[in-house]
Amino acid sequence: MAEEGVATVGAAEKVIHTYPLIRHSDMSEEMRVEAMELSVTACEKYSQNNELAARMVKESMDKKFGPAFHVVVGESYGFEITYECTTICYMYFGGNQAICIWKCS
């Protein structure tokens, strides 16, 4: 498995995960694994451009599981969405990079 790093800020310690951390998901196992792998690949490939990372994940999910997926990649955002049941995944990657993937047609 991937490693964890510990960054010290003043007296507090912050754990930085170098693997995807799923916060919420009701996707099937196959869809969740695919979304997780795509998200990691996109965030590593486009580490400086969240828009391109989101576009890569969206286009791949649309191609494999049908259209109308939406993807948000970034830091420090809130959201309230309507989605089809069993099609949402919210995860963190690389510490504070959040990825939300859902389907709404």
Foldseek 3Di string as FASTA:
>chain_A
DDDWDWDDDPPDIAIWDQAKFWPDALADPVLVVLLRVLLNVLCVVCVPDQVSSQVSSQVVCCVPPNDAKGKGKDFDDDDDDDADGNFWIWIDHGHGIIMIIGGDD
